């Protein structure tokens, strides 16, 4: 608001303006009239001009006042809140259009009516006490009441009022604003109900749940948390989370601490084994924490959820033990099958094959010494049939269990099988290397390694479309390394590892399992189009200490 100008200044300015306008006319008039008459006319002329200027300023002021009044009326009538003025008797003496619309009444009908007629019965007492506070206090007062429109519909409004006093300091009337907060109250009620339901769910959850501030103080905990710690909510609020569990300091892998430090969700298994200061009777827990942030994305705390996984860990351990037993039984079954195959191979070799050989020798001798040529053809066919049976028996003997493996050793058996079964039978170029170092093997290790080598070579024939295979056997420290390389198609090792049911995947899985039982392992190097290298690694037989 500008500073009011002194009226004497305005008059002086008017005089100066009038003098300026009249000066030219006075000069001309003096040339035509006498001096005294000219001065009189000059004064009259100046006064006339002063009046004209004042009239112009009054018209401008009236236009500005009218424009300002129109703007005020627009702001007042179409404001987003209702405006009311009540007198001492509570009658409405002023209201804007918004206020009238909120009450569902014409403004003309609203004036001179009691505002309390629009107060719902349930809020009459509240409104009475509210009016009393407004009158008795010089400060602004606020309240929430339920109002009833002319058509009977109700809504919740927030009233804000201030008393207006007379010059003598007595209460004259008060002005009031009104806002429809029905939707806001519904939203607040729904939010309150939602929060209550969430709290109810969290409070009755089987997992232990707690809310911590950035100093690891517990602000809230559910029933499961209280039950686990043996504390009440009053006792636990404000307590350090690790103190609640009877600890002097946070666990080294505490997810809550890490979450507050990093601002990222964290998780950890807390057990007496990995937490030396962790109470043994606490069992095992899976603890997870997530950060709580404010509107500025600053961390204000963390929510922790923990699960008692003691029984799960026991079940996992039992499962691992059962799996180990199954693996051991599987290896024993394989060894039992190999021993039985070896026994059958020995029976075929020592009994049936030998008997067939002796029978063929005797039959050949008989055929050569037989003077009559009448049965030559028959005897020859019988000899040839026995010879083929001997070859088939030998092949079956090698399939069941190579006698060479037990008689001449692992390296010789691999070399012979590679030549006979891969090169001759499938027309694949083979190469065999042996470092000639002594490689003593336990019988079980030798049997399983030979089986695994044959299985890998069979995979090469079935799946690799290779033209060349190289087998290398060498001693590396206290281990034997058998490498099988081919120039075939190769495969994606990651996909093969992801599924045991893939092409050749189950066979590789079985080989890994068997080698693992022996204390060894399998290494695979392969890429599509680049061939494959498989390396079997197993422990050598240790010399017995004297």
Protein backbone atom coordinates (compact mmCIF):
# COMPACT_ATOMS: atom_id res chain seq x y z
CA UNK A 1 0.00 0.00 0.00
CA UNK A 2 1.42 3.48 -0.96
CA UNK A 3 2.05 6.35 1.51
CA UNK A 4 -0.85 8.93 1.51
CA UNK A 5 0.11 12.25 -0.07
CA UNK A 6 -0.28 15.54 1.80
CA UNK A 7 -3.28 17.52 0.47
CA UNK A 8 -1.22 20.77 0.45
CA UNK A 9 1.17 19.08 -1.99
CA UNK A 10 -1.73 18.14 -4.28
CA UNK A 11 -3.02 21.72 -4.24
CA UNK A 12 0.40 23.08 -4.99
CA UNK A 13 0.72 20.70 -7.94
CA UNK A 14 -2.68 21.69 -9.24
CA UNK A 15 -1.71 25.35 -8.96
CA UNK A 16 1.50 24.77 -10.85
CA UNK A 17 -0.27 22.84 -13.60
CA UNK A 18 -2.91 25.52 -13.92
CA UNK A 19 -0.28 28.30 -14.01
CA UNK A 20 1.55 26.47 -16.77
CA UNK A 21 -1.57 26.04 -18.93
CA UNK A 22 -2.74 29.60 -18.44
CA UNK A 23 0.58 31.38 -18.89
CA UNK A 24 0.41 31.55 -22.64
CA UNK A 25 -3.15 32.85 -22.63
CA UNK A 26 -2.32 35.52 -20.01
CA UNK A 27 0.55 36.90 -22.05
CA UNK A 28 -1.73 37.35 -25.04
CA UNK A 29 -4.52 38.82 -22.92
CA UNK A 30 -2.17 41.41 -21.36
CA UNK A 31 -1.35 42.80 -24.73
CA UNK A 32 -5.03 43.46 -25.35
CA UNK A 33 -6.38 44.49 -21.87
CA UNK A 34 -5.31 46.44 -18.88
CA UNK A 35 -3.07 45.01 -16.20
CA UNK A 36 -5.70 44.67 -13.40
CA UNK A 37 -8.33 43.08 -15.55
CA UNK A 38 -5.81 40.68 -16.95
CA UNK A 39 -4.79 39.52 -13.48
CA UNK A 40 -8.41 38.93 -12.47
CA UNK A 41 -9.14 36.94 -15.57
CA UNK A 42 -5.92 35.00 -14.99
CA UNK A 43 -7.04 33.98 -11.52
CA UNK A 44 -10.41 32.85 -12.81
CA UNK A 45 -8.85 30.88 -15.59
CA UNK A 46 -6.43 29.14 -13.24
CA UNK A 47 -9.26 28.21 -10.89
CA UNK A 48 -11.27 26.76 -13.74
CA UNK A 49 -8.37 24.60 -14.88
CA UNK A 50 -7.81 23.40 -11.30
CA UNK A 51 -11.42 22.23 -11.14
CA UNK A 52 -11.12 20.40 -14.46
CA UNK A 53 -7.98 18.58 -13.32
CA UNK A 54 -9.63 17.59 -10.01
CA UNK A 55 -12.67 16.25 -11.84
CA UNK A 56 -10.44 14.15 -14.12
CA UNK A 57 -8.60 12.67 -11.16
CA UNK A 58 -11.89 11.91 -9.40
CA UNK A 59 -13.19 10.06 -12.46
CA UNK A 60 -9.96 7.99 -12.69
CA UNK A 61 -10.14 7.15 -8.97
CA UNK A 62 -13.77 6.06 -9.34
CA UNK A 63 -12.87 3.77 -12.25
CA UNK A 64 -9.98 2.21 -10.31
CA UNK A 65 -12.22 1.74 -7.27
CA UNK A 66 -14.91 0.07 -9.38
CA UNK A 67 -12.37 -2.23 -11.02
CA UNK A 68 -10.86 -3.15 -7.66
CA UNK A 69 -14.35 -3.79 -6.21
CA UNK A 70 -15.20 -6.08 -9.14
CA UNK A 71 -11.98 -8.04 -8.70
CA UNK A 72 -12.65 -8.38 -4.98
CA UNK A 73 -16.18 -9.58 -5.64
CA UNK A 74 -14.95 -12.18 -8.11
CA UNK A 75 -12.29 -13.40 -5.69
CA UNK A 76 -14.77 -13.44 -2.84
CA UNK A 77 -17.68 -15.10 -4.60
CA UNK A 78 -15.77 -17.69 -6.59
CA UNK A 79 -13.08 -18.58 -4.06
CA UNK A 80 -12.54 -22.37 -3.59
CA UNK A 81 -13.73 -22.08 0.04
CA UNK A 82 -16.94 -20.78 1.53
CA UNK A 83 -16.87 -17.36 3.28
CA UNK A 84 -19.45 -16.39 5.91
CA UNK A 85 -19.97 -13.49 8.26
CA UNK A 86 -22.11 -14.17 11.36
CA UNK A 87 -23.46 -11.59 13.78
CA UNK A 88 -23.90 -11.89 17.57
CA UNK A 89 -27.11 -13.88 17.20
CA UNK A 90 -25.49 -16.37 14.81
CA UNK A 91 -27.36 -15.03 11.77
CA UNK A 92 -25.67 -15.11 8.41
CA UNK A 93 -25.08 -11.50 7.35
CA UNK A 94 -22.66 -12.27 4.55
CA UNK A 95 -21.79 -15.27 2.37
CA UNK A 96 -20.07 -15.87 -0.91
CA UNK A 97 -21.46 -17.98 -3.74
CA UNK A 98 -19.19 -20.93 -2.91
CA UNK A 99 -20.50 -21.01 0.67
CA UNK A 100 -24.08 -20.88 -0.50
CA UNK A 101 -23.45 -23.67 -3.01
CA UNK A 102 -21.86 -25.85 -0.31
CA UNK A 103 -25.03 -25.50 1.78
CA UNK A 104 -27.29 -26.02 -1.26
CA UNK A 105 -29.15 -22.76 -0.67
CA UNK A 106 -29.65 -19.54 -2.64
CA UNK A 107 -27.54 -16.73 -1.22
CA UNK A 108 -30.57 -14.47 -0.90
CA UNK A 109 -32.40 -17.08 1.20
CA UNK A 110 -29.28 -17.79 3.21
CA UNK A 111 -28.86 -14.25 4.51
CA UNK A 112 -30.55 -13.48 7.87
CA UNK A 113 -30.95 -17.23 8.55
CA UNK A 114 -29.34 -18.99 11.51
CA UNK A 115 -26.21 -20.84 10.51
CA UNK A 116 -26.91 -23.42 13.22
CA UNK A 117 -29.90 -24.62 11.14
CA UNK A 118 -27.35 -26.20 8.78
CA UNK A 119 -25.46 -27.98 11.59
CA UNK A 120 -26.29 -31.70 11.84
CA UNK A 121 -27.75 -32.73 15.23
CA UNK A 122 -24.66 -34.75 16.10
CA UNK A 123 -22.47 -31.61 15.79
CA UNK A 124 -24.72 -28.99 17.46
CA UNK A 125 -22.89 -29.12 20.79
CA UNK A 126 -19.50 -28.96 19.06
CA UNK A 127 -20.57 -25.89 17.07
CA UNK A 128 -21.92 -24.15 20.18
CA UNK A 129 -18.64 -24.62 22.05
CA UNK A 130 -16.74 -23.58 18.93
CA UNK A 131 -18.66 -20.28 18.68
CA UNK A 132 -17.98 -19.66 22.34
CA UNK A 133 -14.24 -20.15 21.85
CA UNK A 134 -14.24 -17.80 18.86
CA UNK A 135 -16.01 -15.05 20.83
CA UNK A 136 -13.87 -15.42 23.94
CA UNK A 137 -10.55 -15.69 22.15
CA UNK A 138 -8.77 -13.19 19.96
CA UNK A 139 -6.95 -16.03 18.16
CA UNK A 140 -8.18 -17.90 15.13
CA UNK A 141 -10.16 -21.06 15.98
CA UNK A 142 -10.77 -24.23 13.95
CA UNK A 143 -13.08 -27.22 14.22
CA UNK A 144 -14.63 -30.04 12.20
CA UNK A 145 -18.42 -30.41 12.13
CA UNK A 146 -21.02 -32.29 10.17
CA UNK A 147 -23.30 -30.04 8.10
CA UNK A 148 -26.68 -30.77 6.54
CA UNK A 149 -27.63 -29.23 3.19
CA UNK A 150 -31.08 -28.01 2.26
CA UNK A 151 -31.79 -31.31 0.45
CA UNK A 152 -30.88 -33.31 3.58
CA UNK A 153 -27.51 -34.63 2.44
CA UNK A 154 -24.69 -34.32 4.94
CA UNK A 155 -20.99 -33.56 4.62
CA UNK A 156 -18.05 -32.92 6.90
CA UNK A 157 -16.59 -29.41 6.91
CA UNK A 158 -13.64 -27.70 8.48
CA UNK A 159 -14.50 -24.27 9.92
CA UNK A 160 -11.89 -21.60 10.61
CA UNK A 161 -13.13 -18.40 12.30
CA UNK A 162 -11.92 -15.18 13.88
CA UNK A 163 -13.90 -12.67 15.92
CA UNK A 164 -14.37 -9.08 14.70
CA UNK A 165 -14.62 -6.46 17.43
CA UNK A 166 -16.01 -2.93 17.53
CA UNK A 167 -13.90 0.11 18.18
CA UNK A 168 -14.73 -0.19 21.89
CA UNK A 169 -13.26 -3.72 21.89
CA UNK A 170 -16.56 -5.56 22.16
CA UNK A 171 -17.46 -8.55 20.03
CA UNK A 172 -19.57 -7.55 17.04
CA UNK A 173 -19.43 -10.47 14.57
CA UNK A 174 -17.09 -13.14 13.35
CA UNK A 175 -15.90 -14.19 9.93
CA UNK A 176 -15.67 -17.83 9.00
CA UNK A 177 -14.28 -19.97 6.18
CA UNK A 178 -15.69 -23.39 5.34
CA UNK A 179 -14.06 -26.28 3.41
CA UNK A 180 -15.75 -29.56 2.46
CA UNK A 181 -13.38 -32.26 3.82
CA UNK A 182 -15.67 -35.25 3.33
CA UNK A 183 -13.44 -36.95 0.77
CA UNK A 184 -10.34 -36.21 2.82
CA UNK A 185 -11.93 -37.73 5.92
CA UNK A 186 -12.93 -40.80 3.91
CA UNK A 187 -9.37 -41.13 2.63
CA UNK A 188 -8.01 -40.69 6.15
CA UNK A 189 -10.41 -43.32 7.45
CA UNK A 190 -9.48 -45.74 4.68
CA UNK A 191 -5.80 -45.07 5.33
CA UNK A 192 -6.31 -45.56 9.05
CA UNK A 193 -8.19 -48.79 8.40
CA UNK A 194 -5.52 -49.94 5.95
CA UNK A 195 -2.75 -49.12 8.42
CA UNK A 196 -4.64 -50.92 11.16
CA UNK A 197 -5.09 -53.99 8.97
CA UNK A 198 -1.43 -53.94 8.00
CA UNK A 199 -0.40 -53.59 11.64
CA UNK A 200 -2.78 -56.39 12.58
CA UNK A 201 -1.31 -58.68 9.90
CA UNK A 202 2.28 -57.82 10.85
CA UNK A 203 1.55 -58.15 14.55
CA UNK A 204 0.12 -61.65 14.09
CA UNK A 205 2.70 -62.86 11.55
CA UNK A 206 4.71 -65.95 12.43
CA UNK A 207 7.94 -64.19 11.38
CA UNK A 208 9.57 -61.77 13.79
CA UNK A 209 9.27 -58.20 12.48
CA UNK A 210 10.73 -55.00 13.88
CA UNK A 211 11.22 -51.38 12.84
CA UNK A 212 14.55 -49.76 13.76
CA UNK A 213 15.88 -46.21 13.57
CA UNK A 214 19.32 -45.38 12.15
CA UNK A 215 20.92 -45.93 15.59
CA UNK A 216 19.60 -49.53 15.71
CA UNK A 217 17.01 -48.63 18.35
CA UNK A 218 13.78 -50.65 18.14
CA UNK A 219 10.77 -48.42 17.48
CA UNK A 220 8.19 -51.20 17.05
CA UNK A 221 8.13 -55.01 17.15
CA UNK A 222 5.42 -57.59 16.54
CA UNK A 223 4.24 -60.31 18.91
CA UNK A 224 6.54 -62.96 17.47
CA UNK A 225 9.54 -60.68 18.11
CA UNK A 226 8.38 -60.01 21.68
CA UNK A 227 7.82 -63.72 22.29
CA UNK A 228 11.27 -64.64 20.95
CA UNK A 229 13.02 -62.04 23.15
CA UNK A 230 10.79 -62.48 26.19
CA UNK A 231 10.18 -58.72 26.42
CA UNK A 232 7.09 -56.53 26.31
CA UNK A 233 6.61 -53.78 23.74
CA UNK A 234 7.21 -51.15 26.43
CA UNK A 235 10.45 -52.85 27.45
CA UNK A 236 11.71 -53.29 23.91
CA UNK A 237 10.97 -49.83 22.49
CA UNK A 238 14.12 -47.70 22.45
CA UNK A 239 16.34 -50.72 23.14
CA UNK A 240 19.22 -51.58 20.80
CA UNK A 241 18.24 -54.50 18.59
CA UNK A 242 21.25 -56.58 19.66
CA UNK A 243 20.58 -55.85 23.35
CA UNK A 244 17.11 -57.33 22.88
CA UNK A 245 18.79 -60.63 22.00
CA UNK A 246 21.19 -60.48 24.95
CA UNK A 247 24.21 -59.42 22.87
CA UNK A 248 26.77 -56.72 23.66
CA UNK A 249 27.31 -55.65 20.06
CA UNK A 250 25.73 -56.16 16.62
CA UNK A 251 26.33 -59.43 14.78
CA UNK A 252 29.15 -59.16 12.25
CA UNK A 253 26.71 -59.88 9.40
CA UNK A 254 23.77 -57.91 10.86
CA UNK A 255 21.50 -57.05 7.88
CA UNK A 256 19.97 -54.06 9.68
CA UNK A 257 23.39 -52.44 10.15
CA UNK A 258 24.40 -53.09 6.55
CA UNK A 259 21.05 -51.81 5.22
CA UNK A 260 21.39 -48.53 7.12
CA UNK A 261 25.01 -48.19 5.95
CA UNK A 262 24.38 -49.00 2.27
CA UNK A 263 20.76 -48.01 1.76
CA UNK A 264 20.14 -51.36 0.03
CA UNK A 265 18.21 -54.47 1.17
CA UNK A 266 20.41 -57.02 2.92
CA UNK A 267 20.06 -60.57 4.20
CA UNK A 268 22.10 -63.12 6.13
CA UNK A 269 21.85 -66.42 7.94
CA UNK A 270 22.69 -66.01 11.61
CA UNK A 271 23.74 -69.23 13.33
CA UNK A 272 25.87 -70.13 16.36
CA UNK A 273 28.40 -71.48 13.87
CA UNK A 274 28.99 -68.26 11.89
CA UNK A 275 28.35 -65.90 14.83
CA UNK A 276 30.77 -66.77 17.69
CA UNK A 277 28.93 -64.51 20.16
CA UNK A 278 25.55 -65.70 19.11
CA UNK A 279 23.67 -67.55 21.86
CA UNK A 280 23.76 -71.33 21.13
CA UNK A 281 20.12 -71.72 22.16
CA UNK A 282 19.07 -69.15 19.54
CA UNK A 283 19.28 -71.72 16.79
CA UNK A 284 19.52 -70.53 13.19
CA UNK A 285 17.78 -67.47 11.73
CA UNK A 286 17.40 -66.00 8.28
CA UNK A 287 17.33 -62.24 8.75
CA UNK A 288 16.39 -59.76 6.00
CA UNK A 289 16.27 -55.97 6.19
CA UNK A 290 15.02 -53.20 3.89
CA UNK A 291 15.61 -49.44 4.22
CA UNK A 292 12.91 -46.93 5.16
CA UNK A 293 13.31 -43.54 3.46
CA UNK A 294 11.61 -40.15 3.71
CA UNK A 295 10.43 -37.88 0.87
CA UNK A 296 13.98 -36.61 0.34
CA UNK A 297 15.23 -40.20 -0.10
CA UNK A 298 17.15 -40.01 3.17
CA UNK A 299 17.32 -43.21 5.25
CA UNK A 300 15.28 -42.94 8.44
CA UNK A 301 15.49 -46.55 9.56
CA UNK A 302 15.09 -50.17 8.52
CA UNK A 303 12.45 -52.89 8.63
CA UNK A 304 13.74 -56.31 9.71
CA UNK A 305 12.03 -59.63 9.06
CA UNK A 306 13.58 -62.78 10.52
CA UNK A 307 12.62 -66.43 10.14
CA UNK A 308 13.55 -69.24 12.50
CA UNK A 309 15.24 -71.71 10.14
CA UNK A 310 16.61 -74.06 12.79
CA UNK A 311 14.40 -76.93 11.70
CA UNK A 312 15.01 -76.16 8.04
CA UNK A 313 18.76 -76.23 8.59
CA UNK A 314 18.44 -79.56 10.36
CA UNK A 315 16.34 -80.89 7.50
CA UNK A 316 18.88 -79.58 4.97
CA UNK A 317 21.70 -81.25 6.88
CA UNK A 318 19.77 -84.50 7.04
CA UNK A 319 19.06 -84.20 3.33
CA UNK A 320 22.75 -83.64 2.59
CA UNK A 321 23.62 -86.67 4.68
CA UNK A 322 20.97 -88.74 2.91
CA UNK A 323 22.28 -87.53 -0.46
CA UNK A 324 25.80 -88.49 0.57
CA UNK A 325 24.54 -91.92 1.55
CA UNK A 326 22.69 -92.27 -1.74
CA UNK A 327 25.79 -91.24 -3.66
CA UNK A 328 27.82 -93.74 -1.70
CA UNK A 329 25.22 -96.44 -2.34
CA UNK A 330 25.14 -95.51 -6.04
CA UNK A 331 28.92 -95.83 -6.25
CA UNK A 332 28.81 -99.10 -4.39
CA UNK A 333 26.08 -100.29 -6.76
CA UNK A 334 28.20 -99.35 -9.76
CA UNK A 335 31.19 -101.13 -8.25
CA UNK A 336 29.03 -104.16 -7.47
CA UNK A 337 27.79 -104.20 -11.07
CA UNK A 338 31.36 -103.86 -12.36
CA UNK A 339 32.53 -106.67 -10.11
CA UNK A 340 29.66 -108.85 -11.30
CA UNK A 341 30.48 -107.97 -14.92
CA UNK A 342 34.09 -108.86 -14.24
CA UNK A 343 33.01 -112.16 -12.69
CA UNK A 344 30.85 -112.95 -15.72
CA UNK A 345 33.66 -111.90 -18.04
CA UNK A 346 36.04 -114.17 -16.16
CA UNK A 347 33.56 -117.04 -16.38
CA UNK A 348 33.15 -116.44 -20.12
CA UNK A 349 36.89 -116.22 -20.61
CA UNK A 350 38.03 -119.02 -18.32
CA UNK A 351 35.28 -121.53 -18.90
CA UNK A 352 33.11 -120.99 -21.95
CA UNK A 353 35.77 -119.42 -24.17
CA UNK A 354 38.36 -122.01 -23.18
CA UNK A 355 35.90 -124.84 -23.69
CA UNK A 356 34.97 -123.51 -27.10
CA UNK A 357 38.62 -123.16 -28.10
CA UNK A 358 39.40 -126.70 -27.00
CA UNK A 359 36.32 -127.98 -28.83
CA UNK A 360 37.34 -126.18 -32.01
CA UNK A 361 40.90 -127.53 -31.80
CA UNK A 362 39.66 -131.09 -31.36
CA UNK A 363 37.10 -130.69 -34.12
CA UNK A 364 39.76 -129.34 -36.49
CA UNK A 365 42.02 -132.25 -35.64
CA UNK A 366 39.17 -134.67 -36.22
CA UNK A 367 38.26 -133.05 -39.54
CA UNK A 368 41.85 -133.21 -40.80
CA UNK A 369 42.31 -136.83 -39.75
CA UNK A 370 38.98 -138.03 -41.10
CA UNK A 371 39.62 -140.16 -44.15
CA UNK A 372 36.15 -139.89 -45.61
CA UNK A 373 35.33 -136.61 -47.30
CA UNK A 374 31.66 -137.20 -46.88
CA UNK A 375 31.32 -134.85 -43.83
CA UNK A 376 34.06 -132.35 -44.69
CA UNK A 377 31.60 -129.56 -45.45
CA UNK A 378 29.56 -130.18 -42.34
CA UNK A 379 32.64 -130.29 -40.11
CA UNK A 380 34.01 -127.12 -41.67
CA UNK A 381 30.75 -125.26 -41.05
CA UNK A 382 30.74 -126.43 -37.45
CA UNK A 383 34.35 -125.26 -36.97
CA UNK A 384 33.57 -121.87 -38.49
CA UNK A 385 30.49 -121.48 -36.29
CA UNK A 386 32.50 -122.33 -33.19
CA UNK A 387 35.17 -119.83 -34.28
CA UNK A 388 32.58 -117.06 -34.66
CA UNK A 389 31.14 -117.95 -31.26
CA UNK A 390 34.63 -117.67 -29.76
CA UNK A 391 35.01 -114.15 -31.26
CA UNK A 392 31.58 -113.10 -30.03
CA UNK A 393 32.37 -114.46 -26.59
CA UNK A 394 35.63 -112.53 -26.48
CA UNK A 395 33.84 -109.33 -27.53
CA UNK A 396 31.22 -109.90 -24.87
CA UNK A 397 33.97 -110.58 -22.36
CA UNK A 398 35.57 -107.21 -23.16
CA UNK A 399 32.21 -105.46 -22.93
CA UNK A 400 31.53 -106.95 -19.53
CA UNK A 401 34.99 -106.32 -18.16
CA UNK A 402 38.29 -106.10 -19.91
CA UNK A 403 40.61 -108.86 -18.72
CA UNK A 404 43.47 -106.65 -19.88
CA UNK A 405 42.46 -104.08 -17.23
CA UNK A 406 43.18 -106.57 -14.45
CA UNK A 407 46.00 -108.44 -16.10
CA UNK A 408 48.04 -105.74 -17.87
CA UNK A 409 46.89 -102.52 -16.18
CA UNK A 410 44.75 -99.44 -16.73
CA UNK A 411 46.85 -97.72 -19.41
CA UNK A 412 47.09 -100.81 -21.61
CA UNK A 413 43.36 -101.53 -21.29
CA UNK A 414 42.47 -97.95 -22.34
CA UNK A 415 44.87 -98.08 -25.30
CA UNK A 416 43.53 -101.43 -26.50
CA UNK A 417 39.86 -100.43 -26.11
CA UNK A 418 40.56 -97.13 -27.91
CA UNK A 419 42.07 -98.94 -30.88
CA UNK A 420 39.61 -101.84 -31.10
CA UNK A 421 36.35 -100.03 -30.36
CA UNK A 422 36.92 -96.49 -31.62
CA UNK A 423 39.36 -96.70 -34.48
CA UNK A 424 38.56 -100.08 -36.01
CA UNK A 425 34.82 -100.15 -35.40
CA UNK A 426 33.96 -96.47 -36.07
CA UNK A 427 36.81 -95.42 -38.35
CA UNK A 428 37.92 -92.53 -36.10
CA UNK A 429 41.61 -91.60 -35.98
CA UNK A 430 42.96 -92.14 -32.48
CA UNK A 431 46.05 -91.04 -30.61
CA UNK A 432 47.19 -92.35 -27.25
CA UNK A 433 49.79 -90.81 -24.92
CA UNK A 434 51.13 -92.15 -21.63
CA UNK A 435 53.84 -90.43 -19.61
CA UNK A 436 55.12 -93.89 -18.53
CA UNK A 437 55.10 -92.82 -14.90
CA UNK A 438 53.88 -95.40 -12.36
CA UNK A 439 50.28 -94.68 -11.49
CA UNK A 440 49.10 -97.13 -8.84
CA UNK A 441 45.31 -97.30 -8.50
CA UNK A 442 42.98 -99.01 -6.07
CA UNK A 443 40.85 -101.69 -7.74
CA UNK A 444 37.65 -99.69 -7.28
CA UNK A 445 39.24 -96.52 -8.72
CA UNK A 446 40.67 -98.42 -11.68
CA UNK A 447 37.30 -100.05 -12.46
CA UNK A 448 35.33 -96.79 -12.27
CA UNK A 449 37.90 -94.78 -14.24
CA UNK A 450 37.89 -97.36 -17.04
CA UNK A 451 34.08 -97.27 -17.11
CA UNK A 452 34.09 -93.45 -17.24
CA UNK A 453 36.66 -93.39 -20.07
CA UNK A 454 34.56 -95.80 -22.11
CA UNK A 455 31.42 -93.72 -21.41
CA UNK A 456 33.11 -90.49 -22.54
CA UNK A 457 34.45 -92.14 -25.70
CA UNK A 458 31.00 -93.56 -26.41
CA UNK A 459 29.58 -90.02 -26.11
CA UNK A 460 32.14 -88.84 -28.65
CA UNK A 461 30.99 -91.51 -31.10
CA UNK A 462 27.27 -90.82 -30.53
CA UNK A 463 27.13 -87.04 -30.30
CA UNK A 464 30.34 -85.29 -31.40
CA UNK A 465 30.67 -86.39 -35.07
CA UNK A 466 34.42 -86.30 -34.47
CA UNK A 467 37.14 -87.43 -36.90
CA UNK A 468 39.95 -87.60 -34.37
CA UNK A 469 40.25 -88.51 -30.70
CA UNK A 470 43.26 -88.17 -28.44
CA UNK A 471 43.58 -89.79 -25.01
CA UNK A 472 46.38 -88.70 -22.65
CA UNK A 473 47.20 -90.30 -19.30
CA UNK A 474 49.69 -88.67 -16.94
CA UNK A 475 50.62 -88.47 -13.31
CA UNK A 476 50.23 -85.04 -11.67
CA UNK A 477 51.40 -85.06 -8.08
CA UNK A 478 49.31 -87.57 -6.17
CA UNK A 479 46.64 -87.69 -8.89
CA UNK A 480 46.03 -89.34 -12.23
CA UNK A 481 44.77 -87.11 -15.05
CA UNK A 482 43.06 -88.70 -18.07
CA UNK A 483 42.28 -86.23 -20.87
CA UNK A 484 40.00 -87.10 -23.80
CA UNK A 485 40.04 -84.58 -26.66
CA UNK A 486 37.99 -84.63 -29.85
CA UNK A 487 37.56 -82.35 -32.87
CA UNK A 488 33.78 -82.70 -32.94
CA UNK A 489 30.92 -80.24 -32.70
CA UNK A 490 31.42 -79.29 -29.05
CA UNK A 491 28.63 -77.88 -26.86
CA UNK A 492 27.69 -75.07 -24.47
CA UNK A 493 29.01 -76.15 -21.07
CA UNK A 494 26.75 -73.69 -19.19
CA UNK A 495 23.61 -75.18 -20.73
CA UNK A 496 24.88 -78.69 -20.10
CA UNK A 497 25.52 -77.79 -16.45
CA UNK A 498 22.06 -76.24 -16.11
CA UNK A 499 20.24 -79.43 -17.09
CA UNK A 500 21.29 -82.98 -16.38
CA UNK A 501 18.77 -84.18 -18.91
CA UNK A 502 20.46 -82.43 -21.83
CA UNK A 503 22.34 -84.21 -24.58
CA UNK A 504 24.99 -86.17 -22.75
CA UNK A 505 24.21 -84.14 -19.63
CA UNK A 506 23.04 -86.99 -17.44
CA UNK A 507 26.09 -89.07 -18.34
CA UNK A 508 28.42 -86.21 -17.36
CA UNK A 509 26.46 -85.74 -14.13
CA UNK A 510 26.85 -89.45 -13.27
CA UNK A 511 30.56 -89.31 -14.01
CA UNK A 512 30.96 -86.26 -11.75
CA UNK A 513 29.07 -88.00 -8.97
CA UNK A 514 31.18 -91.15 -9.20
CA UNK A 515 34.43 -89.20 -9.29
CA UNK A 516 33.27 -87.12 -6.33
CA UNK A 517 32.81 -90.29 -4.31
CA UNK A 518 36.39 -91.24 -5.17
CA UNK A 519 37.74 -87.85 -4.12
CA UNK A 520 38.22 -86.70 -7.70
CA UNK A 521 36.41 -84.48 -10.19
CA UNK A 522 35.65 -83.88 -13.87
CA UNK A 523 36.73 -80.84 -15.89
CA UNK A 524 35.05 -79.97 -19.21
CA UNK A 525 36.32 -77.49 -21.81
CA UNK A 526 34.09 -77.04 -24.85
CA UNK A 527 32.49 -74.51 -27.17
CA UNK A 528 30.11 -75.08 -30.08
CA UNK A 529 32.19 -75.84 -33.18
CA UNK A 530 35.47 -76.07 -31.26
CA UNK A 531 35.52 -79.67 -30.02
CA UNK A 532 35.63 -80.90 -26.44
CA UNK A 533 38.27 -81.74 -23.85
CA UNK A 534 37.22 -83.77 -20.83
CA UNK A 535 39.68 -84.45 -18.01
CA UNK A 536 39.10 -87.12 -15.39
CA UNK A 537 41.01 -86.49 -12.16
CA UNK A 538 41.26 -89.08 -9.39
CA UNK A 539 43.62 -89.80 -6.46
CA UNK A 540 46.38 -92.36 -6.83
CA UNK A 541 46.82 -95.23 -4.43
CA UNK A 542 48.75 -94.12 -1.40
CA UNK A 543 51.67 -96.24 -0.24
CA UNK A 544 51.03 -97.87 3.13
CA UNK A 545 53.27 -96.54 5.89
CA UNK A 546 55.41 -99.15 7.54
